[in-house]
């Protein structure tokens, strides 16, 4: 009766915070820790493979690199132009990769895709790959949390005294403090 409360003559059931998602609960009941760890490691390997393919050159979540230029006087700072200093076209200054010099552009033919439709399709495919990577990272995190929760429940079967320090949430297992015992 701890979850029921009388409010204006009507029984109201208190809603408890969701501690475990249904998917986590199903996995915890049916699977073993070793199985979940195996799946998590497989997911981690797939994540590494995807990261090596994508190079994460223009990923939105990535911190931008800083290119620092040093000058002796304030006059040089005021007259500074990035495009002339890097000897590249002003349109290519914002690129973090494949920033050819003006000489190279004049001497050689531009290699790669030049049609806008093809460029858009490639960008769309790249975005799909990034989305897949994000989903795999999320799945790996969920498997890690589920494995921790199962391990915590197995540890609770021990007969030693324990005190709950932190409640279980969707993103983390419950934290217990166990009584320390001297092992012989």
N, C-alpha and C. Protein backbone atom coordinates (compact mmCIF):
# COMPACT_ATOMS: atom_id res chain seq x y z
N UNK A 1 0.80 -1.20 0.00
CA UNK A 1 0.00 0.00 0.00
C UNK A 1 0.85 1.27 0.00
N UNK A 2 2.12 1.13 -0.19
CA UNK A 2 2.98 2.32 -0.17
C UNK A 2 2.84 3.13 -1.46
N UNK A 3 2.37 2.53 -2.53
CA UNK A 3 2.24 3.25 -3.79
C UNK A 3 0.89 3.92 -3.94
N UNK A 4 -0.07 3.65 -3.04
CA UNK A 4 -1.41 4.21 -3.16
C UNK A 4 -1.56 5.33 -2.15
N UNK A 5 -2.19 6.42 -2.60
CA UNK A 5 -2.38 7.58 -1.75
C UNK A 5 -3.82 8.05 -1.90
N UNK A 6 -4.44 8.48 -0.81
CA UNK A 6 -5.81 8.96 -0.85
C UNK A 6 -5.77 10.46 -1.10
N UNK A 7 -6.39 10.91 -2.19
CA UNK A 7 -6.38 12.32 -2.54
C UNK A 7 -7.79 12.75 -2.89
N UNK A 8 -8.38 13.62 -2.07
CA UNK A 8 -9.77 14.08 -2.25
C UNK A 8 -10.74 12.91 -2.30
N UNK A 9 -10.52 11.92 -1.46
CA UNK A 9 -11.42 10.78 -1.38
C UNK A 9 -11.25 9.76 -2.49
N UNK A 10 -10.24 9.92 -3.32
CA UNK A 10 -10.01 9.00 -4.44
C UNK A 10 -8.62 8.39 -4.28
N UNK A 11 -8.54 7.07 -4.50
CA UNK A 11 -7.25 6.41 -4.45
C UNK A 11 -6.43 6.77 -5.69
N UNK A 12 -5.21 7.26 -5.46
CA UNK A 12 -4.31 7.63 -6.55
C UNK A 12 -3.05 6.79 -6.40
N UNK A 13 -2.64 6.13 -7.48
CA UNK A 13 -1.44 5.31 -7.47
C UNK A 13 -0.26 6.19 -7.86
N UNK A 14 0.77 6.19 -7.01
CA UNK A 14 1.98 6.95 -7.31
C UNK A 14 2.73 6.26 -8.44
N UNK A 15 3.18 7.06 -9.40
CA UNK A 15 3.96 6.52 -10.51
C UNK A 15 5.42 6.45 -10.10
N UNK A 16 6.01 5.29 -10.25
CA UNK A 16 7.43 5.15 -9.94
C UNK A 16 8.23 5.45 -11.20
N UNK A 17 9.43 5.96 -11.00
CA UNK A 17 10.29 6.25 -12.15
C UNK A 17 10.72 4.94 -12.79
N UNK A 18 10.81 4.98 -14.11
CA UNK A 18 11.20 3.79 -14.85
C UNK A 18 12.66 3.48 -14.57
N UNK A 19 12.92 2.33 -14.01
CA UNK A 19 14.29 1.94 -13.68
C UNK A 19 14.92 1.11 -14.77
N UNK A 20 14.11 0.33 -15.47
CA UNK A 20 14.62 -0.57 -16.49
C UNK A 20 13.70 -0.47 -17.70
N UNK A 21 14.30 -0.37 -18.88
CA UNK A 21 13.48 -0.37 -20.09
C UNK A 21 13.00 -1.79 -20.35
N UNK A 22 11.88 -1.95 -21.03
CA UNK A 22 11.38 -3.30 -21.32
C UNK A 22 12.39 -4.17 -22.06
N UNK A 23 13.15 -3.55 -22.96
CA UNK A 23 14.16 -4.30 -23.71
C UNK A 23 15.26 -4.82 -22.78
N UNK A 24 15.68 -3.96 -21.83
CA UNK A 24 16.71 -4.38 -20.88
C UNK A 24 16.19 -5.51 -20.00
N UNK A 25 14.92 -5.39 -19.58
CA UNK A 25 14.33 -6.41 -18.71
C UNK A 25 14.27 -7.75 -19.43
N UNK A 26 13.87 -7.73 -20.70
CA UNK A 26 13.78 -8.97 -21.48
C UNK A 26 15.15 -9.61 -21.62
N UNK A 27 16.16 -8.78 -21.94
CA UNK A 27 17.52 -9.31 -22.07
C UNK A 27 18.04 -9.88 -20.75
N UNK A 28 17.76 -9.18 -19.64
CA UNK A 28 18.25 -9.63 -18.35
C UNK A 28 17.63 -10.95 -17.93
N UNK A 29 16.38 -11.16 -18.27
CA UNK A 29 15.71 -12.39 -17.88
C UNK A 29 16.14 -13.58 -18.72
N UNK A 30 16.44 -13.33 -19.99
CA UNK A 30 16.69 -14.45 -20.88
C UNK A 30 18.17 -14.74 -21.13
N UNK A 31 19.01 -13.75 -20.97
CA UNK A 31 20.40 -13.94 -21.39
C UNK A 31 21.37 -13.90 -20.21
N UNK A 32 22.53 -14.36 -20.46
CA UNK A 32 23.60 -14.39 -19.48
C UNK A 32 24.52 -13.19 -19.69
N UNK A 33 25.30 -12.87 -18.70
CA UNK A 33 26.22 -11.74 -18.80
C UNK A 33 27.23 -11.96 -19.91
N UNK A 34 27.72 -13.17 -20.03
CA UNK A 34 28.75 -13.46 -21.03
C UNK A 34 28.21 -13.24 -22.45
N UNK A 35 26.96 -13.60 -22.68
CA UNK A 35 26.34 -13.40 -23.99
C UNK A 35 26.26 -11.91 -24.30
N UNK A 36 25.81 -11.13 -23.33
CA UNK A 36 25.66 -9.70 -23.55
C UNK A 36 27.04 -9.05 -23.75
N UNK A 37 28.02 -9.49 -22.99
CA UNK A 37 29.38 -8.96 -23.17
C UNK A 37 29.92 -9.30 -24.56
N UNK A 38 29.63 -10.52 -25.04
CA UNK A 38 30.06 -10.92 -26.37
C UNK A 38 29.43 -10.00 -27.43
N UNK A 39 28.13 -9.74 -27.27
CA UNK A 39 27.43 -8.87 -28.22
C UNK A 39 28.00 -7.45 -28.16
N UNK A 40 28.31 -6.97 -26.94
CA UNK A 40 28.84 -5.62 -26.77
C UNK A 40 30.21 -5.50 -27.44
N UNK A 41 31.05 -6.52 -27.28
CA UNK A 41 32.38 -6.50 -27.90
C UNK A 41 32.25 -6.53 -29.42
N UNK A 42 31.33 -7.33 -29.93
CA UNK A 42 31.10 -7.38 -31.38
C UNK A 42 30.65 -6.01 -31.89
N UNK A 43 29.77 -5.37 -31.13
CA UNK A 43 29.28 -4.04 -31.49
C UNK A 43 30.43 -3.03 -31.47
N UNK A 44 31.31 -3.14 -30.48
CA UNK A 44 32.46 -2.23 -30.38
C UNK A 44 33.39 -2.40 -31.57
N UNK A 45 33.59 -3.64 -32.01
CA UNK A 45 34.44 -3.89 -33.19
C UNK A 45 33.83 -3.28 -34.44
N UNK A 46 32.50 -3.42 -34.58
CA UNK A 46 31.82 -2.82 -35.73
C UNK A 46 31.95 -1.31 -35.71
N UNK A 47 31.86 -0.73 -34.50
CA UNK A 47 32.00 0.73 -34.36
C UNK A 47 33.39 1.16 -34.80
N UNK A 48 34.41 0.44 -34.37
CA UNK A 48 35.79 0.78 -34.76
C UNK A 48 35.97 0.67 -36.27
N UNK A 49 35.38 -0.36 -36.87
CA UNK A 49 35.50 -0.54 -38.32
C UNK A 49 34.83 0.63 -39.04
N UNK A 50 33.64 1.02 -38.58
CA UNK A 50 32.95 2.15 -39.21
C UNK A 50 33.73 3.44 -39.03
N UNK A 51 34.30 3.64 -37.85
CA UNK A 51 35.07 4.87 -37.61
C UNK A 51 36.29 4.92 -38.52
N UNK A 52 36.93 3.78 -38.74
CA UNK A 52 38.11 3.78 -39.61
C UNK A 52 37.73 4.04 -41.07
N UNK A 53 36.53 3.63 -41.47
CA UNK A 53 36.08 3.88 -42.84
C UNK A 53 35.71 5.34 -43.04
N UNK A 54 35.04 5.92 -42.05
CA UNK A 54 34.48 7.26 -42.23
C UNK A 54 35.51 8.37 -41.98
N UNK A 55 36.52 8.11 -41.21
CA UNK A 55 37.57 9.06 -40.89
C UNK A 55 37.09 10.23 -40.03
N UNK A 56 35.79 10.41 -39.91
CA UNK A 56 35.19 11.47 -39.09
C UNK A 56 35.75 12.85 -39.44
N UNK A 57 35.92 13.11 -40.72
CA UNK A 57 36.51 14.38 -41.15
C UNK A 57 35.55 15.55 -40.97
N UNK A 58 34.30 15.35 -41.36
CA UNK A 58 33.36 16.46 -41.30
C UNK A 58 32.17 16.14 -40.40
N UNK A 59 32.41 15.39 -39.36
CA UNK A 59 31.35 14.99 -38.44
C UNK A 59 30.96 16.19 -37.58
N UNK A 60 29.65 16.41 -37.39
CA UNK A 60 29.16 17.59 -36.68
C UNK A 60 29.55 17.59 -35.20
N UNK A 61 29.59 16.43 -34.57
CA UNK A 61 29.88 16.37 -33.15
C UNK A 61 31.36 16.55 -32.83
N UNK A 62 32.19 16.55 -33.84
CA UNK A 62 33.64 16.62 -33.63
C UNK A 62 34.06 18.06 -33.35
N UNK A 63 35.01 18.22 -32.46
CA UNK A 63 35.54 19.53 -32.14
C UNK A 63 36.37 20.05 -33.31
N UNK A 64 36.17 21.31 -33.66
CA UNK A 64 36.89 21.88 -34.78
C UNK A 64 38.37 22.07 -34.43
N UNK A 65 39.23 21.79 -35.40
CA UNK A 65 40.65 22.01 -35.21
C UNK A 65 40.94 23.51 -35.29
N UNK A 66 42.02 23.92 -34.64
CA UNK A 66 42.42 25.32 -34.68
C UNK A 66 43.75 25.43 -35.38
N UNK A 67 43.83 26.36 -36.31
CA UNK A 67 45.07 26.62 -37.01
C UNK A 67 45.57 27.98 -36.52
N UNK A 68 46.68 28.00 -35.82
CA UNK A 68 47.19 29.22 -35.20
C UNK A 68 48.33 29.78 -36.03
N UNK A 69 48.25 31.09 -36.31
CA UNK A 69 49.31 31.79 -37.02
C UNK A 69 49.94 32.80 -36.06
N UNK A 70 51.25 32.92 -36.11
CA UNK A 70 51.97 33.83 -35.21
C UNK A 70 52.54 35.00 -36.01
N UNK A 71 52.43 36.21 -35.42
CA UNK A 71 52.93 37.42 -36.07
C UNK A 71 53.75 38.22 -35.09
N UNK A 72 54.61 39.09 -35.65
CA UNK A 72 55.46 39.93 -34.82
C UNK A 72 54.81 41.26 -34.49
N UNK A 73 54.04 41.82 -35.42
CA UNK A 73 53.45 43.15 -35.19
C UNK A 73 51.93 43.10 -35.39
N UNK A 74 51.27 44.15 -34.87
CA UNK A 74 49.82 44.25 -35.03
C UNK A 74 49.45 44.59 -36.46
N UNK A 75 50.36 45.26 -37.16
CA UNK A 75 50.11 45.62 -38.56
C UNK A 75 49.98 44.36 -39.41
N UNK A 76 50.83 43.37 -39.16
CA UNK A 76 50.76 42.10 -39.89
C UNK A 76 49.45 41.38 -39.60
N UNK A 77 48.96 41.48 -38.37
CA UNK A 77 47.70 40.84 -37.99
C UNK A 77 46.54 41.47 -38.76
N UNK A 78 46.55 42.81 -38.87
CA UNK A 78 45.47 43.52 -39.57
C UNK A 78 45.47 43.22 -41.06
N UNK A 79 46.66 43.03 -41.64
CA UNK A 79 46.76 42.79 -43.08
C UNK A 79 46.67 41.31 -43.44
N UNK A 80 46.53 40.46 -42.47
CA UNK A 80 46.57 39.01 -42.70
C UNK A 80 45.36 38.52 -43.49
N UNK A 81 45.61 37.69 -44.49
CA UNK A 81 44.56 37.04 -45.27
C UNK A 81 44.88 35.54 -45.30
N UNK A 82 43.94 34.73 -44.86
CA UNK A 82 44.16 33.29 -44.75
C UNK A 82 44.41 32.66 -46.12
N UNK A 83 43.63 33.07 -47.12
CA UNK A 83 43.74 32.47 -48.45
C UNK A 83 45.12 32.70 -49.07
N UNK A 84 45.63 33.92 -48.93
CA UNK A 84 46.95 34.20 -49.52
C UNK A 84 48.05 33.51 -48.72
N UNK A 85 47.89 33.43 -47.42
CA UNK A 85 48.91 32.79 -46.59
C UNK A 85 49.00 31.29 -46.88
N UNK A 86 47.85 30.64 -47.06
CA UNK A 86 47.83 29.21 -47.35
C UNK A 86 47.97 28.91 -48.84
N UNK A 87 48.01 29.96 -49.66
CA UNK A 87 48.15 29.86 -51.11
C UNK A 87 47.06 28.98 -51.72
N UNK A 88 45.82 29.27 -51.36
CA UNK A 88 44.69 28.50 -51.87
C UNK A 88 43.56 29.45 -52.26
N UNK A 89 42.56 28.91 -52.94
CA UNK A 89 41.41 29.72 -53.33
C UNK A 89 40.57 30.06 -52.10
N UNK A 90 39.97 31.26 -52.06
CA UNK A 90 39.17 31.66 -50.89
C UNK A 90 37.99 30.72 -50.60
N UNK A 91 37.46 30.05 -51.64
CA UNK A 91 36.33 29.13 -51.43
C UNK A 91 36.77 27.87 -50.67
N UNK A 92 38.05 27.53 -50.74
CA UNK A 92 38.55 26.30 -50.14
C UNK A 92 39.15 26.49 -48.75
N UNK A 93 39.13 27.71 -48.23
CA UNK A 93 39.73 27.99 -46.92
C UNK A 93 39.01 27.25 -45.80
N UNK A 94 37.70 27.14 -45.88
CA UNK A 94 36.91 26.51 -44.80
C UNK A 94 37.09 25.00 -44.74
N UNK A 95 37.62 24.38 -45.77
CA UNK A 95 37.80 22.93 -45.78
C UNK A 95 38.87 22.51 -44.78
N UNK A 96 38.64 21.40 -44.11
CA UNK A 96 39.65 20.89 -43.19
C UNK A 96 40.51 19.83 -43.86
N UNK A 97 40.10 19.36 -45.02
CA UNK A 97 40.87 18.35 -45.74
C UNK A 97 40.83 18.68 -47.21
N UNK A 98 41.80 18.18 -47.97
CA UNK A 98 41.88 18.38 -49.41
C UNK A 98 41.77 19.86 -49.78
N UNK A 99 42.73 20.64 -49.29
CA UNK A 99 42.77 22.08 -49.59
C UNK A 99 43.94 22.33 -50.54
N UNK A 100 43.71 22.15 -51.87
CA UNK A 100 44.82 22.29 -52.82
C UNK A 100 45.27 23.75 -52.98
N UNK A 101 46.54 23.92 -53.35
CA UNK A 101 47.08 25.26 -53.60
C UNK A 101 46.66 25.74 -54.98
N UNK A 102 46.79 27.03 -55.20
CA UNK A 102 46.39 27.62 -56.49
C UNK A 102 47.25 27.05 -57.62
N UNK A 103 48.54 26.85 -57.37
CA UNK A 103 49.44 26.28 -58.40
C UNK A 103 48.96 24.90 -58.84
N UNK A 104 48.57 24.10 -57.85
CA UNK A 104 48.10 22.74 -58.14
C UNK A 104 46.82 22.79 -58.97
N UNK A 105 45.93 23.71 -58.63
CA UNK A 105 44.68 23.84 -59.38
C UNK A 105 44.94 24.26 -60.83
N UNK A 106 45.97 25.11 -61.05
CA UNK A 106 46.28 25.56 -62.40
C UNK A 106 46.97 24.47 -63.22
N UNK A 107 47.85 23.69 -62.58
CA UNK A 107 48.62 22.67 -63.30
C UNK A 107 47.81 21.43 -63.61
N UNK A 108 47.11 20.92 -62.61
CA UNK A 108 46.44 19.63 -62.76
C UNK A 108 44.94 19.78 -62.94
N UNK A 109 44.38 18.72 -63.51
CA UNK A 109 42.94 18.66 -63.69
C UNK A 109 42.30 18.25 -62.35
N UNK A 110 41.11 18.79 -62.07
CA UNK A 110 40.43 18.47 -60.82
C UNK A 110 39.97 17.02 -60.86
N UNK A 111 40.37 16.27 -59.81
CA UNK A 111 40.01 14.85 -59.76
C UNK A 111 38.82 14.68 -58.83
N UNK A 112 38.00 13.70 -59.13
CA UNK A 112 36.86 13.41 -58.26
C UNK A 112 35.56 13.81 -58.91
N UNK A 113 34.52 13.80 -58.10
CA UNK A 113 33.17 14.06 -58.58
C UNK A 113 32.95 15.56 -58.72
N UNK A 114 32.36 15.96 -59.85
CA UNK A 114 32.08 17.37 -60.07
C UNK A 114 30.58 17.66 -60.25
N UNK A 115 29.78 16.65 -60.55
CA UNK A 115 28.35 16.87 -60.74
C UNK A 115 27.66 17.04 -59.39
N UNK A 116 26.77 18.03 -59.30
CA UNK A 116 26.09 18.33 -58.04
C UNK A 116 25.21 17.17 -57.57
N UNK A 117 24.51 16.50 -58.49
CA UNK A 117 23.64 15.39 -58.09
C UNK A 117 24.45 14.26 -57.47
N UNK A 118 25.60 13.99 -58.07
CA UNK A 118 26.46 12.92 -57.54
C UNK A 118 27.03 13.31 -56.18
N UNK A 119 27.41 14.58 -56.04
CA UNK A 119 27.92 15.07 -54.75
C UNK A 119 26.86 14.95 -53.66
N UNK A 120 25.62 15.29 -54.00
CA UNK A 120 24.52 15.19 -53.02
C UNK A 120 24.29 13.74 -52.62
N UNK A 121 24.35 12.84 -53.60
CA UNK A 121 24.14 11.43 -53.30
C UNK A 121 25.25 10.89 -52.38
N UNK A 122 26.47 11.28 -52.65
CA UNK A 122 27.59 10.85 -51.81
C UNK A 122 27.44 11.41 -50.40
N UNK A 123 27.03 12.67 -50.29
CA UNK A 123 26.82 13.28 -48.97
C UNK A 123 25.71 12.56 -48.21
N UNK A 124 24.67 12.17 -48.94
CA UNK A 124 23.55 11.46 -48.31
C UNK A 124 24.01 10.09 -47.80
N UNK A 125 24.80 9.38 -48.60
CA UNK A 125 25.32 8.08 -48.19
C UNK A 125 26.23 8.22 -46.96
N UNK A 126 27.05 9.28 -46.97
CA UNK A 126 27.94 9.51 -45.83
C UNK A 126 27.12 9.78 -44.57
N UNK A 127 26.04 10.56 -44.71
CA UNK A 127 25.19 10.86 -43.55
C UNK A 127 24.51 9.59 -43.03
N UNK A 128 24.13 8.69 -43.94
CA UNK A 128 23.57 7.40 -43.53
C UNK A 128 24.57 6.61 -42.70
N UNK A 129 25.83 6.61 -43.15
CA UNK A 129 26.88 5.90 -42.43
C UNK A 129 27.08 6.50 -41.03
N UNK A 130 27.05 7.84 -40.94
CA UNK A 130 27.20 8.48 -39.63
C UNK A 130 26.03 8.13 -38.72
N UNK A 131 24.82 8.10 -39.27
CA UNK A 131 23.64 7.73 -38.47
C UNK A 131 23.75 6.29 -37.97
N UNK A 132 24.23 5.42 -38.84
CA UNK A 132 24.44 4.02 -38.46
C UNK A 132 25.46 3.93 -37.33
N UNK A 133 26.53 4.72 -37.44
CA UNK A 133 27.55 4.74 -36.40
C UNK A 133 26.97 5.20 -35.06
N UNK A 134 26.16 6.24 -35.09
CA UNK A 134 25.54 6.76 -33.86
C UNK A 134 24.63 5.70 -33.24
N UNK A 135 23.84 5.00 -34.06
CA UNK A 135 22.96 3.95 -33.55
C UNK A 135 23.77 2.82 -32.92
N UNK A 136 24.86 2.44 -33.54
CA UNK A 136 25.68 1.37 -32.98
C UNK A 136 26.32 1.78 -31.66
N UNK A 137 26.74 3.03 -31.57
CA UNK A 137 27.32 3.52 -30.32
C UNK A 137 26.27 3.48 -29.20
N UNK A 138 25.05 3.90 -29.52
CA UNK A 138 23.96 3.87 -28.53
C UNK A 138 23.67 2.43 -28.10
N UNK A 139 23.63 1.51 -29.05
CA UNK A 139 23.36 0.11 -28.73
C UNK A 139 24.46 -0.46 -27.84
N UNK A 140 25.71 -0.10 -28.13
CA UNK A 140 26.82 -0.58 -27.32
C UNK A 140 26.71 -0.06 -25.88
N UNK A 141 26.30 1.18 -25.73
CA UNK A 141 26.11 1.75 -24.38
C UNK A 141 25.01 1.01 -23.64
N UNK A 142 23.90 0.74 -24.33
CA UNK A 142 22.77 0.02 -23.71
C UNK A 142 23.20 -1.39 -23.27
N UNK A 143 23.95 -2.08 -24.12
CA UNK A 143 24.42 -3.42 -23.75
C UNK A 143 25.35 -3.37 -22.54
N UNK A 144 26.18 -2.34 -22.47
CA UNK A 144 27.08 -2.18 -21.35
C UNK A 144 26.30 -1.99 -20.05
N UNK A 145 25.27 -1.13 -20.09
CA UNK A 145 24.45 -0.88 -18.90
C UNK A 145 23.70 -2.15 -18.49
N UNK A 146 23.16 -2.87 -19.47
CA UNK A 146 22.43 -4.11 -19.17
C UNK A 146 23.36 -5.13 -18.51
N UNK A 147 24.56 -5.27 -19.02
CA UNK A 147 25.52 -6.20 -18.43
C UNK A 147 25.84 -5.80 -16.99
N UNK A 148 25.99 -4.50 -16.76
CA UNK A 148 26.26 -4.03 -15.40
C UNK A 148 25.09 -4.35 -14.46
N UNK A 149 23.87 -4.18 -14.95
CA UNK A 149 22.68 -4.45 -14.12
C UNK A 149 22.59 -5.93 -13.76
N UNK A 150 22.85 -6.79 -14.74
CA UNK A 150 22.81 -8.23 -14.48
C UNK A 150 23.88 -8.61 -13.46
N UNK A 151 25.07 -8.04 -13.64
CA UNK A 151 26.17 -8.34 -12.71
C UNK A 151 25.83 -7.86 -11.30
N UNK A 152 25.19 -6.71 -11.20
CA UNK A 152 24.78 -6.19 -9.88
C UNK A 152 23.78 -7.13 -9.23
N UNK A 153 22.83 -7.63 -10.00
CA UNK A 153 21.82 -8.55 -9.44
C UNK A 153 22.46 -9.86 -9.00
N UNK A 154 23.48 -10.30 -9.75
CA UNK A 154 24.18 -11.52 -9.33
C UNK A 154 24.96 -11.27 -8.04
N UNK A 155 25.56 -10.10 -7.92
CA UNK A 155 26.30 -9.75 -6.71
C UNK A 155 25.38 -9.66 -5.50
N UNK A 156 24.14 -9.28 -5.71
CA UNK A 156 23.18 -9.15 -4.61
C UNK A 156 22.78 -10.49 -4.02
N UNK A 157 22.99 -11.58 -4.76
CA UNK A 157 22.64 -12.91 -4.25
C UNK A 157 23.58 -13.34 -3.13
N UNK A 158 24.69 -12.63 -3.00
CA UNK A 158 25.64 -12.93 -1.93
C UNK A 158 25.01 -12.64 -0.58
N UNK A 159 25.42 -13.35 0.45
CA UNK A 159 24.81 -13.24 1.78
C UNK A 159 25.36 -12.08 2.61
N UNK A 160 26.35 -11.35 2.11
CA UNK A 160 26.95 -10.27 2.91
C UNK A 160 25.99 -9.11 3.07
N UNK A 161 26.26 -8.29 4.09
CA UNK A 161 25.44 -7.10 4.34
C UNK A 161 25.71 -6.08 3.24
N UNK A 162 24.66 -5.40 2.80
CA UNK A 162 24.83 -4.40 1.76
C UNK A 162 23.88 -3.23 2.00
N UNK A 163 24.29 -2.07 1.53
CA UNK A 163 23.49 -0.86 1.67
C UNK A 163 23.37 -0.24 0.28
N UNK A 164 22.15 0.12 -0.10
CA UNK A 164 21.93 0.74 -1.41
C UNK A 164 22.39 2.20 -1.33
N UNK A 165 23.32 2.55 -2.20
CA UNK A 165 23.85 3.91 -2.22
C UNK A 165 23.09 4.76 -3.23
N UNK A 166 22.82 4.18 -4.40
CA UNK A 166 22.17 4.92 -5.47
C UNK A 166 21.14 4.03 -6.15
N UNK A 167 19.99 4.61 -6.49
CA UNK A 167 18.94 3.82 -7.15
C UNK A 167 19.30 3.53 -8.59
N UNK A 168 18.64 2.52 -9.13
CA UNK A 168 18.85 2.11 -10.52
C UNK A 168 18.10 3.06 -11.43
N UNK A 169 18.72 3.44 -12.54
CA UNK A 169 18.07 4.26 -13.56
C UNK A 169 18.19 3.54 -14.91
N UNK A 170 17.64 4.17 -15.92
CA UNK A 170 17.71 3.57 -17.25
C UNK A 170 19.16 3.51 -17.74
N UNK A 171 19.97 4.52 -17.37
CA UNK A 171 21.33 4.61 -17.88
C UNK A 171 22.40 4.07 -16.94
N UNK A 172 22.02 3.62 -15.74
CA UNK A 172 23.03 3.10 -14.83
C UNK A 172 22.42 2.09 -13.87
N UNK A 173 23.21 1.12 -13.41
CA UNK A 173 22.69 0.14 -12.46
C UNK A 173 22.64 0.74 -11.05
N UNK A 174 21.96 0.04 -10.16
CA UNK A 174 21.95 0.46 -8.76
C UNK A 174 23.35 0.26 -8.19
N UNK A 175 23.70 1.14 -7.25
CA UNK A 175 25.02 1.05 -6.64
C UNK A 175 24.85 0.66 -5.18
N UNK A 176 25.55 -0.40 -4.79
CA UNK A 176 25.47 -0.91 -3.42
C UNK A 176 26.85 -0.83 -2.78
N UNK A 177 26.83 -0.66 -1.46
CA UNK A 177 28.08 -0.72 -0.70
C UNK A 177 28.02 -1.98 0.14
N UNK A 178 28.98 -2.86 -0.07
CA UNK A 178 29.00 -4.14 0.63
C UNK A 178 29.89 -4.04 1.87
N UNK A 179 29.52 -4.82 2.89
CA UNK A 179 30.32 -4.87 4.10
C UNK A 179 31.64 -5.56 3.79
N UNK A 180 32.72 -4.97 4.24
CA UNK A 180 34.02 -5.56 3.94
C UNK A 180 34.30 -6.72 4.93
N UNK A 181 34.76 -7.81 4.38
CA UNK A 181 35.07 -8.99 5.20
C UNK A 181 36.48 -9.42 4.87
N UNK A 182 37.16 -9.88 5.89
CA UNK A 182 38.51 -10.36 5.69
C UNK A 182 38.46 -11.77 5.10
N UNK A 183 39.17 -11.94 4.02
CA UNK A 183 39.24 -13.27 3.38
C UNK A 183 40.40 -14.03 3.98
N UNK A 184 40.20 -15.31 4.20
CA UNK A 184 41.28 -16.13 4.79
C UNK A 184 42.03 -16.87 3.74
